[in-house]
Amino acid sequence: MHPVERRPIPPEVETDQSVLQAAAGHPWYHKLGIFLFVIVCFEVGAFLAVFPWTPQWETNSVAGLFPFLHDLWASSYFRGALSGLGLLNIYISLGEVARLRRPSSSRPPDRLRLIN
């Protein structure tokens, strides 16, 4: 057997871990985890965006736990903040769907191929 010649890895490639991880691809269980995250995030977002504006909002059991916070609970500003948080959750879930649908290349980028 001949000795294998090892060339040093340039520092800009050595520190760029995201390129190495992107080149490796994602296994099926990683995609499944992202899919489950998207489902949960979207459902929580839809609930938070809609439920504060329904008639059941003021009569639910959480409102009865802290009666001294009733004014805050009934405030339109608080309801709007929760709805905004729900819309943010929906936005994050749609962004993850777009990231999941993006095709991943099976070959490493040219910069990594030149090193080997």
PDB file of N, CA and C in Angstrom:
ATOM      1  N   MET A   1       0.839  -1.190   0.000  1.00  0.00           N
ATOM      2  CA  MET A   1       0.000   0.000   0.000  1.00  0.00           C
ATOM      3  C   MET A   1       0.872   1.238   0.000  1.00  0.00           C
ATOM      4  N   HIS A   2       0.435   2.237  -0.664  1.00  0.00           N
ATOM      5  CA  HIS A   2       1.166   3.496  -0.651  1.00  0.00           C
ATOM      6  C   HIS A   2       0.628   4.405   0.431  1.00  0.00           C
ATOM      7  N   PRO A   3       1.503   5.249   0.881  1.00  0.00           N
ATOM      8  CA  PRO A   3       1.032   6.220   1.876  1.00  0.00           C
ATOM      9  C   PRO A   3       0.098   7.237   1.214  1.00  0.00           C
ATOM     10  N   VAL A   4      -0.909   7.592   1.918  1.00  0.00           N
ATOM     11  CA  VAL A   4      -1.878   8.566   1.413  1.00  0.00           C
ATOM     12  C   VAL A   4      -1.384   9.959   1.753  1.00  0.00           C
ATOM     13  N   GLU A   5      -1.318  10.774   0.717  1.00  0.00           N
ATOM     14  CA  GLU A   5      -0.874  12.154   0.927  1.00  0.00           C
ATOM     15  C   GLU A   5      -2.055  12.980   1.412  1.00  0.00           C
ATOM     16  N   ARG A   6      -1.885  13.618   2.550  1.00  0.00           N
ATOM     17  CA  ARG A   6      -2.943  14.457   3.108  1.00  0.00           C
ATOM     18  C   ARG A   6      -2.577  15.914   2.906  1.00  0.00           C
ATOM     19  N   ARG A   7      -3.503  16.629   2.277  1.00  0.00           N
ATOM     20  CA  ARG A   7      -3.297  18.060   2.107  1.00  0.00           C
ATOM     21  C   ARG A   7      -4.058  18.793   3.190  1.00  0.00           C
ATOM     22  N   PRO A   8      -3.526  19.898   3.671  1.00  0.00           N
ATOM     23  CA  PRO A   8      -4.239  20.643   4.721  1.00  0.00           C
ATOM     24  C   PRO A   8      -5.520  21.266   4.165  1.00  0.00           C
ATOM     25  N   ILE A   9      -6.518  21.324   5.018  1.00  0.00           N
ATOM     26  CA  ILE A   9      -7.794  21.946   4.652  1.00  0.00           C
ATOM     27  C   ILE A   9      -7.673  23.448   4.868  1.00  0.00           C
ATOM     28  N   PRO A  10      -8.037  24.246   3.866  1.00  0.00           N
ATOM     29  CA  PRO A  10      -7.977  25.699   4.051  1.00  0.00           C
ATOM     30  C   PRO A  10      -8.848  26.135   5.220  1.00  0.00           C
ATOM     31  N   PRO A  11      -8.429  27.180   5.944  1.00  0.00           N
ATOM     32  CA  PRO A  11      -9.173  27.597   7.138  1.00  0.00           C
ATOM     33  C   PRO A  11     -10.606  28.033   6.863  1.00  0.00           C
ATOM     34  N   GLU A  12     -10.894  28.611   5.687  1.00  0.00           N
ATOM     35  CA  GLU A  12     -12.259  29.064   5.438  1.00  0.00           C
ATOM     36  C   GLU A  12     -13.213  27.886   5.279  1.00  0.00           C
ATOM     37  N   VAL A  13     -12.734  26.750   4.814  1.00  0.00           N
ATOM     38  CA  VAL A  13     -13.573  25.566   4.682  1.00  0.00           C
ATOM     39  C   VAL A  13     -13.670  24.842   6.014  1.00  0.00           C
ATOM     40  N   GLU A  14     -12.588  24.849   6.761  1.00  0.00           N
ATOM     41  CA  GLU A  14     -12.557  24.154   8.043  1.00  0.00           C
ATOM     42  C   GLU A  14     -13.561  24.747   9.028  1.00  0.00           C
ATOM     43  N   THR A  15     -13.758  26.041   8.982  1.00  0.00           N
ATOM     44  CA  THR A  15     -14.668  26.693   9.923  1.00  0.00           C
ATOM     45  C   THR A  15     -16.102  26.745   9.421  1.00  0.00           C
ATOM     46  N   ASP A  16     -16.342  26.472   8.151  1.00  0.00           N
ATOM     47  CA  ASP A  16     -17.678  26.583   7.582  1.00  0.00           C
ATOM     48  C   ASP A  16     -18.406  25.245   7.731  1.00  0.00           C
ATOM     49  N   GLN A  17     -18.976  24.994   8.911  1.00  0.00           N
ATOM     50  CA  GLN A  17     -19.650  23.739   9.196  1.00  0.00           C
ATOM     51  C   GLN A  17     -20.980  23.626   8.463  1.00  0.00           C
ATOM     52  N   SER A  18     -21.639  24.754   8.172  1.00  0.00           N
ATOM     53  CA  SER A  18     -22.933  24.675   7.506  1.00  0.00           C
ATOM     54  C   SER A  18     -22.806  24.104   6.099  1.00  0.00           C
ATOM     55  N   VAL A  19     -21.695  24.402   5.424  1.00  0.00           N
ATOM     56  CA  VAL A  19     -21.480  23.848   4.089  1.00  0.00           C
ATOM     57  C   VAL A  19     -21.293  22.344   4.175  1.00  0.00           C
ATOM     58  N   LEU A  20     -20.549  21.891   5.171  1.00  0.00           N
ATOM     59  CA  LEU A  20     -20.328  20.459   5.334  1.00  0.00           C
ATOM     60  C   LEU A  20     -21.615  19.731   5.678  1.00  0.00           C
ATOM     61  N   GLN A  21     -22.446  20.328   6.520  1.00  0.00           N
ATOM     62  CA  GLN A  21     -23.704  19.693   6.891  1.00  0.00           C
ATOM     63  C   GLN A  21     -24.677  19.675   5.718  1.00  0.00           C
ATOM     64  N   ALA A  22     -24.689  20.736   4.923  1.00  0.00           N
ATOM     65  CA  ALA A  22     -25.579  20.784   3.766  1.00  0.00           C
ATOM     66  C   ALA A  22     -25.162  19.755   2.731  1.00  0.00           C
ATOM     67  N   ALA A  23     -23.858  19.520   2.617  1.00  0.00           N
ATOM     68  CA  ALA A  23     -23.377  18.548   1.645  1.00  0.00           C
ATOM     69  C   ALA A  23     -23.724  17.128   2.068  1.00  0.00           C
ATOM     70  N   ALA A  24     -23.833  16.886   3.356  1.00  0.00           N
ATOM     71  CA  ALA A  24     -24.119  15.545   3.838  1.00  0.00           C
ATOM     72  C   ALA A  24     -25.548  15.123   3.548  1.00  0.00           C
ATOM     73  N   GLY A  25     -26.487  16.046   3.405  1.00  0.00           N
ATOM     74  CA  GLY A  25     -27.890  15.716   3.168  1.00  0.00           C
ATOM     75  C   GLY A  25     -28.608  15.435   4.471  1.00  0.00           C
ATOM     76  N   HIS A  26     -29.894  15.230   4.365  1.00  0.00           N
ATOM     77  CA  HIS A  26     -30.705  14.981   5.552  1.00  0.00           C
ATOM     78  C   HIS A  26     -31.286  13.579   5.483  1.00  0.00           C
ATOM     79  N   PRO A  27     -31.147  12.826   6.560  1.00  0.00           N
ATOM     80  CA  PRO A  27     -31.786  11.502   6.569  1.00  0.00           C
ATOM     81  C   PRO A  27     -33.299  11.634   6.691  1.00  0.00           C
ATOM     82  N   TRP A  28     -34.007  10.528   6.460  1.00  0.00           N
ATOM     83  CA  TRP A  28     -35.469  10.546   6.442  1.00  0.00           C
ATOM     84  C   TRP A  28     -36.048  10.969   7.776  1.00  0.00           C
ATOM     85  N   TYR A  29     -35.433  10.581   8.892  1.00  0.00           N
ATOM     86  CA  TYR A  29     -35.997  10.924  10.193  1.00  0.00           C
ATOM     87  C   TYR A  29     -35.847  12.410  10.500  1.00  0.00           C
ATOM     88  N   HIS A  30     -34.856  13.058   9.896  1.00  0.00           N
ATOM     89  CA  HIS A  30     -34.733  14.511  10.061  1.00  0.00           C
ATOM     90  C   HIS A  30     -35.888  15.212   9.343  1.00  0.00           C
ATOM     91  N   LYS A  31     -36.209  14.748   8.144  1.00  0.00           N
ATOM     92  CA  LYS A  31     -37.328  15.328   7.401  1.00  0.00           C
ATOM     93  C   LYS A  31     -38.652  15.057   8.098  1.00  0.00           C
ATOM     94  N   LEU A  32     -38.791  13.877   8.706  1.00  0.00           N
ATOM     95  CA  LEU A  32     -39.997  13.566   9.448  1.00  0.00           C
ATOM     96  C   LEU A  32     -40.134  14.487  10.659  1.00  0.00           C
ATOM     97  N   GLY A  33     -39.036  14.746  11.344  1.00  0.00           N
ATOM     98  CA  GLY A  33     -39.063  15.665  12.481  1.00  0.00           C
ATOM     99  C   GLY A  33     -39.464  17.069  12.066  1.00  0.00           C
ATOM    100  N   ILE A  34     -38.952  17.529  10.936  1.00  0.00           N
ATOM    101  CA  ILE A  34     -39.327  18.852  10.429  1.00  0.00           C
ATOM    102  C   ILE A  34     -40.815  18.873  10.071  1.00  0.00           C
ATOM    103  N   PHE A  35     -41.291  17.797   9.456  1.00  0.00           N
ATOM    104  CA  PHE A  35     -42.701  17.719   9.082  1.00  0.00           C
ATOM    105  C   PHE A  35     -43.604  17.777  10.313  1.00  0.00           C
ATOM    106  N   LEU A  36     -43.251  17.039  11.357  1.00  0.00           N
ATOM    107  CA  LEU A  36     -44.037  17.074  12.591  1.00  0.00           C
ATOM    108  C   LEU A  36     -43.979  18.454  13.247  1.00  0.00           C
ATOM    109  N   PHE A  37     -42.800  19.088  13.198  1.00  0.00           N
ATOM    110  CA  PHE A  37     -42.670  20.444  13.724  1.00  0.00           C
ATOM    111  C   PHE A  37     -43.583  21.406  12.972  1.00  0.00           C
ATOM    112  N   VAL A  38     -43.652  21.254  11.658  1.00  0.00           N
ATOM    113  CA  VAL A  38     -44.495  22.121  10.832  1.00  0.00           C
ATOM    114  C   VAL A  38     -45.961  21.943  11.207  1.00  0.00           C
ATOM    115  N   ILE A  39     -46.394  20.708  11.391  1.00  0.00           N
ATOM    116  CA  ILE A  39     -47.793  20.448  11.742  1.00  0.00           C
ATOM    117  C   ILE A  39     -48.138  21.073  13.091  1.00  0.00           C
ATOM    118  N   VAL A  40     -47.296  20.837  14.090  1.00  0.00           N
ATOM    119  CA  VAL A  40     -47.569  21.374  15.428  1.00  0.00           C
ATOM    120  C   VAL A  40     -47.526  22.894  15.422  1.00  0.00           C
ATOM    121  N   CYS A  41     -46.528  23.457  14.762  1.00  0.00           N
ATOM    122  CA  CYS A  41     -46.379  24.911  14.726  1.00  0.00           C
ATOM    123  C   CYS A  41     -47.571  25.562  14.022  1.00  0.00           C
ATOM    124  N   PHE A  42     -48.032  24.959  12.937  1.00  0.00           N
ATOM    125  CA  PHE A  42     -49.177  25.516  12.220  1.00  0.00           C
ATOM    126  C   PHE A  42     -50.451  25.423  13.062  1.00  0.00           C
ATOM    127  N   GLU A  43     -50.657  24.285  13.725  1.00  0.00           N
ATOM    128  CA  GLU A  43     -51.866  24.137  14.538  1.00  0.00           C
ATOM    129  C   GLU A  43     -51.881  25.099  15.723  1.00  0.00           C
ATOM    130  N   VAL A  44     -50.753  25.237  16.395  1.00  0.00           N
ATOM    131  CA  VAL A  44     -50.682  26.191  17.512  1.00  0.00           C
ATOM    132  C   VAL A  44     -50.900  27.610  17.000  1.00  0.00           C
ATOM    133  N   GLY A  45     -50.329  27.929  15.846  1.00  0.00           N
ATOM    134  CA  GLY A  45     -50.508  29.255  15.267  1.00  0.00           C
ATOM    135  C   GLY A  45     -51.950  29.547  14.897  1.00  0.00           C
ATOM    136  N   ALA A  46     -52.611  28.571  14.287  1.00  0.00           N
ATOM    137  CA  ALA A  46     -54.018  28.772  13.919  1.00  0.00           C
ATOM    138  C   ALA A  46     -54.878  28.937  15.172  1.00  0.00           C
ATOM    139  N   PHE A  47     -54.597  28.147  16.206  1.00  0.00           N
ATOM    140  CA  PHE A  47     -55.356  28.260  17.448  1.00  0.00           C
ATOM    141  C   PHE A  47     -55.152  29.634  18.083  1.00  0.00           C
ATOM    142  N   LEU A  48     -53.898  30.081  18.167  1.00  0.00           N
ATOM    143  CA  LEU A  48     -53.624  31.380  18.795  1.00  0.00           C
ATOM    144  C   LEU A  48     -54.150  32.550  17.972  1.00  0.00           C
ATOM    145  N   ALA A  49     -54.232  32.388  16.672  1.00  0.00           N
ATOM    146  CA  ALA A  49     -54.724  33.478  15.834  1.00  0.00           C
ATOM    147  C   ALA A  49     -56.241  33.632  15.934  1.00  0.00           C
ATOM    148  N   VAL A  50     -56.960  32.534  16.172  1.00  0.00           N
ATOM    149  CA  VAL A  50     -58.422  32.573  16.116  1.00  0.00           C
ATOM    150  C   VAL A  50     -59.070  32.568  17.498  1.00  0.00           C
ATOM    151  N   PHE A  51     -58.606  31.720  18.409  1.00  0.00           N
ATOM    152  CA  PHE A  51     -59.318  31.486  19.667  1.00  0.00           C
ATOM    153  C   PHE A  51     -59.498  32.729  20.539  1.00  0.00           C
ATOM    154  N   PRO A  52     -58.542  33.651  20.623  1.00  0.00           N
ATOM    155  CA  PRO A  52     -58.790  34.825  21.485  1.00  0.00           C
ATOM    156  C   PRO A  52     -59.988  35.670  21.065  1.00  0.00           C
ATOM    157  N   TRP A  53     -60.479  35.515  19.872  1.00  0.00           N
ATOM    158  CA  TRP A  53     -61.591  36.336  19.393  1.00  0.00           C
ATOM    159  C   TRP A  53     -62.921  35.596  19.424  1.00  0.00           C
ATOM    160  N   THR A  54     -62.959  34.401  19.984  1.00  0.00           N
ATOM    161  CA  THR A  54     -64.210  33.647  20.087  1.00  0.00           C
ATOM    162  C   THR A  54     -64.890  33.931  21.428  1.00  0.00           C
ATOM    163  N   PRO A  55     -66.190  33.659  21.539  1.00  0.00           N
ATOM    164  CA  PRO A  55     -66.893  33.903  22.814  1.00  0.00           C
ATOM    165  C   PRO A  55     -66.394  33.021  23.969  1.00  0.00           C
ATOM    166  N   GLN A  56     -65.795  31.887  23.677  1.00  0.00           N
ATOM    167  CA  GLN A  56     -65.301  31.001  24.723  1.00  0.00           C
ATOM    168  C   GLN A  56     -64.042  31.527  25.400  1.00  0.00           C
ATOM    169  N   TRP A  57     -63.448  32.565  24.871  1.00  0.00           N
ATOM    170  CA  TRP A  57     -62.184  33.075  25.387  1.00  0.00           C
ATOM    171  C   TRP A  57     -62.289  33.503  26.856  1.00  0.00           C
ATOM    172  N   GLU A  58     -63.322  34.231  27.198  1.00  0.00           N
ATOM    173  CA  GLU A  58     -63.439  34.752  28.558  1.00  0.00           C
ATOM    174  C   GLU A  58     -63.992  33.735  29.545  1.00  0.00           C
ATOM    175  N   THR A  59     -64.555  32.639  29.059  1.00  0.00           N
ATOM    176  CA  THR A  59     -65.146  31.657  29.973  1.00  0.00           C
ATOM    177  C   THR A  59     -64.326  30.375  30.103  1.00  0.00           C
ATOM    178  N   ASN A  60     -63.121  30.341  29.553  1.00  0.00           N
ATOM    179  CA  ASN A  60     -62.347  29.101  29.660  1.00  0.00           C
ATOM    180  C   ASN A  60     -61.721  28.964  31.041  1.00  0.00           C
ATOM    181  N   SER A  61     -61.213  27.808  31.334  1.00  0.00           N
ATOM    182  CA  SER A  61     -60.716  27.515  32.689  1.00  0.00           C
ATOM    183  C   SER A  61     -59.429  28.269  33.020  1.00  0.00           C
ATOM    184  N   VAL A  62     -58.638  28.614  32.036  1.00  0.00           N
ATOM    185  CA  VAL A  62     -57.399  29.351  32.300  1.00  0.00           C
ATOM    186  C   VAL A  62     -57.725  30.756  32.809  1.00  0.00           C
ATOM    187  N   ALA A  63     -58.758  31.362  32.281  1.00  0.00           N
ATOM    188  CA  ALA A  63     -59.154  32.699  32.736  1.00  0.00           C
ATOM    189  C   ALA A  63     -59.611  32.674  34.188  1.00  0.00           C
ATOM    190  N   GLY A  64     -60.208  31.567  34.622  1.00  0.00           N
ATOM    191  CA  GLY A  64     -60.682  31.463  35.994  1.00  0.00           C
ATOM    192  C   GLY A  64     -59.584  31.184  37.015  1.00  0.00           C
ATOM    193  N   LEU A  65     -58.403  30.754  36.548  1.00  0.00           N
ATOM    194  CA  LEU A  65     -57.308  30.455  37.472  1.00  0.00           C
ATOM    195  C   LEU A  65     -56.735  31.711  38.127  1.00  0.00           C
ATOM    196  N   PHE A  66     -56.700  32.792  37.376  1.00  0.00           N
ATOM    197  CA  PHE A  66     -56.121  34.043  37.871  1.00  0.00           C
ATOM    198  C   PHE A  66     -57.150  35.167  37.718  1.00  0.00           C
ATOM    199  N   PRO A  67     -58.078  35.289  38.657  1.00  0.00           N
ATOM    200  CA  PRO A  67     -59.127  36.304  38.508  1.00  0.00           C
ATOM    201  C   PRO A  67     -58.586  37.733  38.552  1.00  0.00           C
ATOM    202  N   PHE A  68     -57.443  37.947  39.186  1.00  0.00           N
ATOM    203  CA  PHE A  68     -56.887  39.304  39.238  1.00  0.00           C
ATOM    204  C   PHE A  68     -56.321  39.744  37.884  1.00  0.00           C
ATOM    205  N   LEU A  69     -56.160  38.807  36.933  1.00  0.00           N
ATOM    206  CA  LEU A  69     -55.685  39.160  35.596  1.00  0.00           C
ATOM    207  C   LEU A  69     -56.823  39.268  34.578  1.00  0.00           C
ATOM    208  N   HIS A  70     -58.064  39.347  35.069  1.00  0.00           N
ATOM    209  CA  HIS A  70     -59.214  39.378  34.164  1.00  0.00           C
ATOM    210  C   HIS A  70     -59.167  40.580  33.217  1.00  0.00           C
ATOM    211  N   ASP A  71     -58.748  41.736  33.714  1.00  0.00           N
ATOM    212  CA  ASP A  71     -58.690  42.926  32.845  1.00  0.00           C
ATOM    213  C   ASP A  71     -57.674  42.731  31.714  1.00  0.00           C
ATOM    214  N   LEU A  72     -56.538  42.134  32.038  1.00  0.00           N
ATOM    215  CA  LEU A  72     -55.542  41.854  31.008  1.00  0.00           C
ATOM    216  C   LEU A  72     -56.074  40.810  30.033  1.00  0.00           C
ATOM    217  N   TRP A  73     -56.710  39.781  30.561  1.00  0.00           N
ATOM    218  CA  TRP A  73     -57.238  38.690  29.739  1.00  0.00           C
ATOM    219  C   TRP A  73     -58.287  39.195  28.744  1.00  0.00           C
ATOM    220  N   ALA A  74     -59.101  40.160  29.167  1.00  0.00           N
ATOM    221  CA  ALA A  74     -60.169  40.681  28.309  1.00  0.00           C
ATOM    222  C   ALA A  74     -59.689  41.802  27.387  1.00  0.00           C
ATOM    223  N   SER A  75     -58.463  42.252  27.556  1.00  0.00           N
ATOM    224  CA  SER A  75     -57.939  43.365  26.766  1.00  0.00           C
ATOM    225  C   SER A  75     -57.769  42.985  25.291  1.00  0.00           C
ATOM    226  N   SER A  76     -58.155  43.886  24.423  1.00  0.00           N
ATOM    227  CA  SER A  76     -57.969  43.665  22.988  1.00  0.00           C
ATOM    228  C   SER A  76     -56.495  43.654  22.613  1.00  0.00           C
ATOM    229  N   TYR A  77     -55.681  44.392  23.341  1.00  0.00           N
ATOM    230  CA  TYR A  77     -54.253  44.411  23.065  1.00  0.00           C
ATOM    231  C   TYR A  77     -53.622  43.051  23.342  1.00  0.00           C
ATOM    232  N   PHE A  78     -54.021  42.419  24.445  1.00  0.00           N
ATOM    233  CA  PHE A  78     -53.514  41.087  24.783  1.00  0.00           C
ATOM    234  C   PHE A  78     -53.971  40.061  23.751  1.00  0.00           C
ATOM    235  N   ARG A  79     -55.236  40.149  23.361  1.00  0.00           N
ATOM    236  CA  ARG A  79     -55.749  39.238  22.341  1.00  0.00           C
ATOM    237  C   ARG A  79     -55.016  39.439  21.019  1.00  0.00           C
ATOM    238  N   GLY A  80     -54.770  40.688  20.679  1.00  0.00           N
ATOM    239  CA  GLY A  80     -54.035  40.975  19.443  1.00  0.00           C
ATOM    240  C   GLY A  80     -52.606  40.464  19.497  1.00  0.00           C
ATOM    241  N   ALA A  81     -51.978  40.570  20.665  1.00  0.00           N
ATOM    242  CA  ALA A  81     -50.609  40.058  20.811  1.00  0.00           C
ATOM    243  C   ALA A  81     -50.594  38.537  20.635  1.00  0.00           C
ATOM    244  N   LEU A  82     -51.573  37.849  21.200  1.00  0.00           N
ATOM    245  CA  LEU A  82     -51.647  36.396  21.023  1.00  0.00           C
ATOM    246  C   LEU A  82     -51.928  36.027  19.567  1.00  0.00           C
ATOM    247  N   SER A  83     -52.776  36.797  18.912  1.00  0.00           N
ATOM    248  CA  SER A  83     -53.041  36.538  17.499  1.00  0.00           C
ATOM    249  C   SER A  83     -51.791  36.788  16.654  1.00  0.00           C
ATOM    250  N   GLY A  84     -51.044  37.815  17.002  1.00  0.00           N
ATOM    251  CA  GLY A  84     -49.787  38.068  16.294  1.00  0.00           C
ATOM    252  C   GLY A  84     -48.784  36.948  16.496  1.00  0.00           C
ATOM    253  N   LEU A  85     -48.735  36.410  17.698  1.00  0.00           N
ATOM    254  CA  LEU A  85     -47.872  35.267  17.968  1.00  0.00           C
ATOM    255  C   LEU A  85     -48.321  34.052  17.160  1.00  0.00           C
ATOM    256  N   GLY A  86     -49.624  33.892  17.024  1.00  0.00           N
ATOM    257  CA  GLY A  86     -50.149  32.805  16.201  1.00  0.00           C
ATOM    258  C   GLY A  86     -49.777  32.973  14.733  1.00  0.00           C
ATOM    259  N   LEU A  87     -49.869  34.197  14.233  1.00  0.00           N
ATOM    260  CA  LEU A  87     -49.484  34.441  12.842  1.00  0.00           C
ATOM    261  C   LEU A  87     -47.988  34.213  12.635  1.00  0.00           C
ATOM    262  N   LEU A  88     -47.193  34.540  13.641  1.00  0.00           N
ATOM    263  CA  LEU A  88     -45.752  34.273  13.570  1.00  0.00           C
ATOM    264  C   LEU A  88     -45.496  32.763  13.510  1.00  0.00           C
ATOM    265  N   ASN A  89     -46.234  31.986  14.287  1.00  0.00           N
ATOM    266  CA  ASN A  89     -46.104  30.528  14.231  1.00  0.00           C
ATOM    267  C   ASN A  89     -46.475  29.991  12.855  1.00  0.00           C
ATOM    268  N   ILE A  90     -47.525  30.516  12.270  1.00  0.00           N
ATOM    269  CA  ILE A  90     -47.922  30.083  10.922  1.00  0.00           C
ATOM    270  C   ILE A  90     -46.851  30.441   9.914  1.00  0.00           C
ATOM    271  N   TYR A  91     -46.281  31.636  10.035  1.00  0.00           N
ATOM    272  CA  TYR A  91     -45.214  32.064   9.134  1.00  0.00           C
ATOM    273  C   TYR A  91     -43.992  31.148   9.254  1.00  0.00           C
ATOM    274  N   ILE A  92     -43.626  30.796  10.472  1.00  0.00           N
ATOM    275  CA  ILE A  92     -42.481  29.905  10.683  1.00  0.00           C
ATOM    276  C   ILE A  92     -42.760  28.535  10.075  1.00  0.00           C
ATOM    277  N   SER A  93     -43.958  28.024  10.251  1.00  0.00           N
ATOM    278  CA  SER A  93     -44.269  26.705   9.698  1.00  0.00           C
ATOM    279  C   SER A  93     -44.232  26.726   8.171  1.00  0.00           C
ATOM    280  N   LEU A  94     -44.725  27.788   7.557  1.00  0.00           N
ATOM    281  CA  LEU A  94     -44.672  27.880   6.092  1.00  0.00           C
ATOM    282  C   LEU A  94     -43.234  28.034   5.603  1.00  0.00           C
ATOM    283  N   GLY A  95     -42.412  28.740   6.356  1.00  0.00           N
ATOM    284  CA  GLY A  95     -40.998  28.846   6.005  1.00  0.00           C
ATOM    285  C   GLY A  95     -40.289  27.508   6.085  1.00  0.00           C
ATOM    286  N   GLU A  96     -40.647  26.695   7.072  1.00  0.00           N
ATOM    287  CA  GLU A  96     -40.058  25.359   7.183  1.00  0.00           C
ATOM    288  C   GLU A  96     -40.524  24.461   6.045  1.00  0.00           C
ATOM    289  N   VAL A  97     -41.777  24.619   5.606  1.00  0.00           N
ATOM    290  CA  VAL A  97     -42.257  23.846   4.459  1.00  0.00           C
ATOM    291  C   VAL A  97     -41.456  24.226   3.219  1.00  0.00           C
ATOM    292  N   ALA A  98     -41.215  25.510   3.024  1.00  0.00           N
ATOM    293  CA  ALA A  98     -40.433  25.948   1.869  1.00  0.00           C
ATOM    294  C   ALA A  98     -39.011  25.415   1.949  1.00  0.00           C
ATOM    295  N   ARG A  99     -38.439  25.402   3.144  1.00  0.00           N
ATOM    296  CA  ARG A  99     -37.075  24.886   3.303  1.00  0.00           C
ATOM    297  C   ARG A  99     -37.031  23.384   3.091  1.00  0.00           C
ATOM    298  N   LEU A 100     -38.064  22.676   3.499  1.00  0.00           N
ATOM    299  CA  LEU A 100     -38.121  21.229   3.331  1.00  0.00           C
ATOM    300  C   LEU A 100     -38.315  20.857   1.867  1.00  0.00           C
ATOM    301  N   ARG A 101     -39.052  21.667   1.137  1.00  0.00           N
ATOM    302  CA  ARG A 101     -39.311  21.377  -0.272  1.00  0.00           C
ATOM    303  C   ARG A 101     -38.145  21.724  -1.178  1.00  0.00           C
ATOM    304  N   ARG A 102     -37.215  22.532  -0.673  1.00  0.00           N
ATOM    305  CA  ARG A 102     -36.065  22.921  -1.476  1.00  0.00           C
ATOM    306  C   ARG A 102     -35.252  21.673  -1.812  1.00  0.00           C
ATOM    307  N   PRO A 103     -34.907  21.477  -3.083  1.00  0.00           N
ATOM    308  CA  PRO A 103     -34.149  20.270  -3.425  1.00  0.00           C
ATOM    309  C   PRO A 103     -32.740  20.333  -2.837  1.00  0.00           C
ATOM    310  N   SER A 104     -32.330  19.225  -2.261  1.00  0.00           N
ATOM    311  CA  SER A 104     -30.972  19.165  -1.728  1.00  0.00           C
ATOM    312  C   SER A 104     -30.099  18.459  -2.751  1.00  0.00           C
ATOM    313  N   SER A 105     -28.953  19.008  -3.023  1.00  0.00           N
ATOM    314  CA  SER A 105     -28.060  18.409  -4.005  1.00  0.00           C
ATOM    315  C   SER A 105     -27.342  17.224  -3.375  1.00  0.00           C
ATOM    316  N   SER A 106     -27.171  16.194  -4.139  1.00  0.00           N
ATOM    317  CA  SER A 106     -26.518  15.002  -3.615  1.00  0.00           C
ATOM    318  C   SER A 106     -25.002  15.096  -3.722  1.00  0.00           C
ATOM    319  N   ARG A 107     -24.514  16.022  -4.518  1.00  0.00           N
ATOM    320  CA  ARG A 107     -23.067  16.159  -4.632  1.00  0.00           C
ATOM    321  C   ARG A 107     -22.601  17.371  -3.830  1.00  0.00           C
ATOM    322  N   PRO A 108     -21.392  17.299  -3.302  1.00  0.00           N
ATOM    323  CA  PRO A 108     -20.896  18.432  -2.519  1.00  0.00           C
ATOM    324  C   PRO A 108     -20.615  19.636  -3.411  1.00  0.00           C
ATOM    325  N   PRO A 109     -20.595  20.822  -2.858  1.00  0.00           N
ATOM    326  CA  PRO A 109     -20.269  22.004  -3.646  1.00  0.00           C
ATOM    327  C   PRO A 109     -18.858  21.913  -4.224  1.00  0.00           C
ATOM    328  N   ASP A 110     -18.617  22.683  -5.293  1.00  0.00           N
ATOM    329  CA  ASP A 110     -17.318  22.631  -5.978  1.00  0.00           C
ATOM    330  C   ASP A 110     -16.160  22.943  -5.049  1.00  0.00           C
ATOM    331  N   ARG A 111     -16.375  23.814  -4.113  1.00  0.00           N
ATOM    332  CA  ARG A 111     -15.301  24.222  -3.203  1.00  0.00           C
ATOM    333  C   ARG A 111     -14.820  23.031  -2.377  1.00  0.00           C
ATOM    334  N   LEU A 112     -15.727  22.147  -1.972  1.00  0.00           N
ATOM    335  CA  LEU A 112     -15.328  20.987  -1.190  1.00  0.00           C
ATOM    336  C   LEU A 112     -14.682  19.908  -2.054  1.00  0.00           C
ATOM    337  N   ARG A 113     -15.079  19.816  -3.316  1.00  0.00           N
ATOM    338  CA  ARG A 113     -14.524  18.810  -4.197  1.00  0.00           C
ATOM    339  C   ARG A 113     -13.073  19.114  -4.532  1.00  0.00           C
ATOM    340  N   LEU A 114     -12.690  20.386  -4.567  1.00  0.00           N
ATOM    341  CA  LEU A 114     -11.324  20.753  -4.903  1.00  0.00           C
ATOM    342  C   LEU A 114     -10.339  20.365  -3.805  1.00  0.00           C
ATOM    343  N   ILE A 115     -10.794  20.238  -2.611  1.00  0.00           N
ATOM    344  CA  ILE A 115      -9.899  19.940  -1.483  1.00  0.00           C
ATOM    345  C   ILE A 115      -9.396  18.504  -1.562  1.00  0.00           C
ATOM    346  N   ASN A 116     -10.274  17.593  -1.880  1.00  0.00           N
ATOM    347  CA  ASN A 116      -9.921  16.163  -1.849  1.00  0.00           C
ATOM    348  C   ASN A 116      -9.010  15.782  -2.921  1.00  0.00           C
TER     349      ASN A 116
END
